[in-house]
């Protein structure tokens, strides 16, 4: 979850944009450290798992 600027994102778009940019850059930095094959395998497992859990 990202914190919004005081008063809400609609009141300070520049601050919210800076927060989003920082968050996205940190996420991309983390992803760049993971081997591409591992990312593909994780995505494949995640997609193959859709609908496999029973809800009671």
Protein backbone atom coordinates (compact mmCIF):
# COMPACT_ATOMS: atom_id res chain seq x y z
CA UNK A 1 0.00 0.00 0.00
CA UNK A 2 1.24 3.47 -0.82
CA UNK A 3 0.69 6.42 1.47
CA UNK A 4 -1.17 9.32 -0.08
CA UNK A 5 -0.14 12.92 0.50
CA UNK A 6 -1.96 14.84 3.21
CA UNK A 7 -5.46 15.62 1.93
CA UNK A 8 -5.40 12.85 -0.68
CA UNK A 9 -3.73 12.17 -3.99
CA UNK A 10 -6.20 14.40 -5.84
CA UNK A 11 -4.96 17.42 -3.87
CA UNK A 12 -1.25 16.92 -4.56
CA UNK A 13 -0.71 15.08 -7.81
CA UNK A 14 3.01 15.91 -7.94
CA UNK A 15 3.67 14.36 -4.53
CA UNK A 16 1.65 11.27 -5.44
CA UNK A 17 3.50 10.96 -8.75
CA UNK A 18 6.83 11.13 -6.89
CA UNK A 19 5.65 8.44 -4.47
CA UNK A 20 4.55 6.20 -7.34
CA UNK A 21 7.82 6.74 -9.21
CA UNK A 22 9.88 5.83 -6.15
CA UNK A 23 7.82 2.71 -5.50
CA UNK A 24 7.94 1.54 -9.13
CA UNK A 25 11.69 2.09 -9.41
CA UNK A 26 12.29 0.06 -6.23
CA UNK A 27 10.07 -2.76 -7.54
CA UNK A 28 11.82 -2.79 -10.92
CA UNK A 29 15.22 -2.83 -9.21
CA UNK A 30 14.16 -5.91 -7.28
CA UNK A 31 12.84 -7.64 -10.38
CA UNK A 32 16.05 -6.94 -12.32
CA UNK A 33 17.95 -8.98 -9.72
CA UNK A 34 15.89 -12.11 -10.47
CA UNK A 35 16.86 -14.36 -13.36
CA UNK A 36 14.38 -14.13 -16.25
CA UNK A 37 13.77 -17.89 -16.27
CA UNK A 38 12.80 -17.80 -12.60
CA UNK A 39 10.31 -15.01 -13.23
CA UNK A 40 8.76 -16.92 -16.12
CA UNK A 41 8.48 -20.09 -14.03
CA UNK A 42 6.89 -18.23 -11.12
CA UNK A 43 4.39 -16.61 -13.47
CA UNK A 44 3.58 -19.95 -15.07
CA UNK A 45 2.95 -21.57 -11.66
CA UNK A 46 0.80 -18.64 -10.56
CA UNK A 47 -1.34 -18.72 -13.71
CA UNK A 48 -1.65 -22.53 -13.63
CA UNK A 49 -2.87 -22.28 -10.04
CA UNK A 50 -5.88 -20.13 -10.88
CA UNK A 51 -9.06 -21.91 -9.95
CA UNK A 52 -7.29 -24.81 -8.26
CA UNK A 53 -8.14 -23.79 -4.71
CA UNK A 54 -11.47 -24.86 -3.31
CA UNK A 55 -13.46 -22.32 -1.34
CA UNK A 56 -15.70 -23.75 1.33
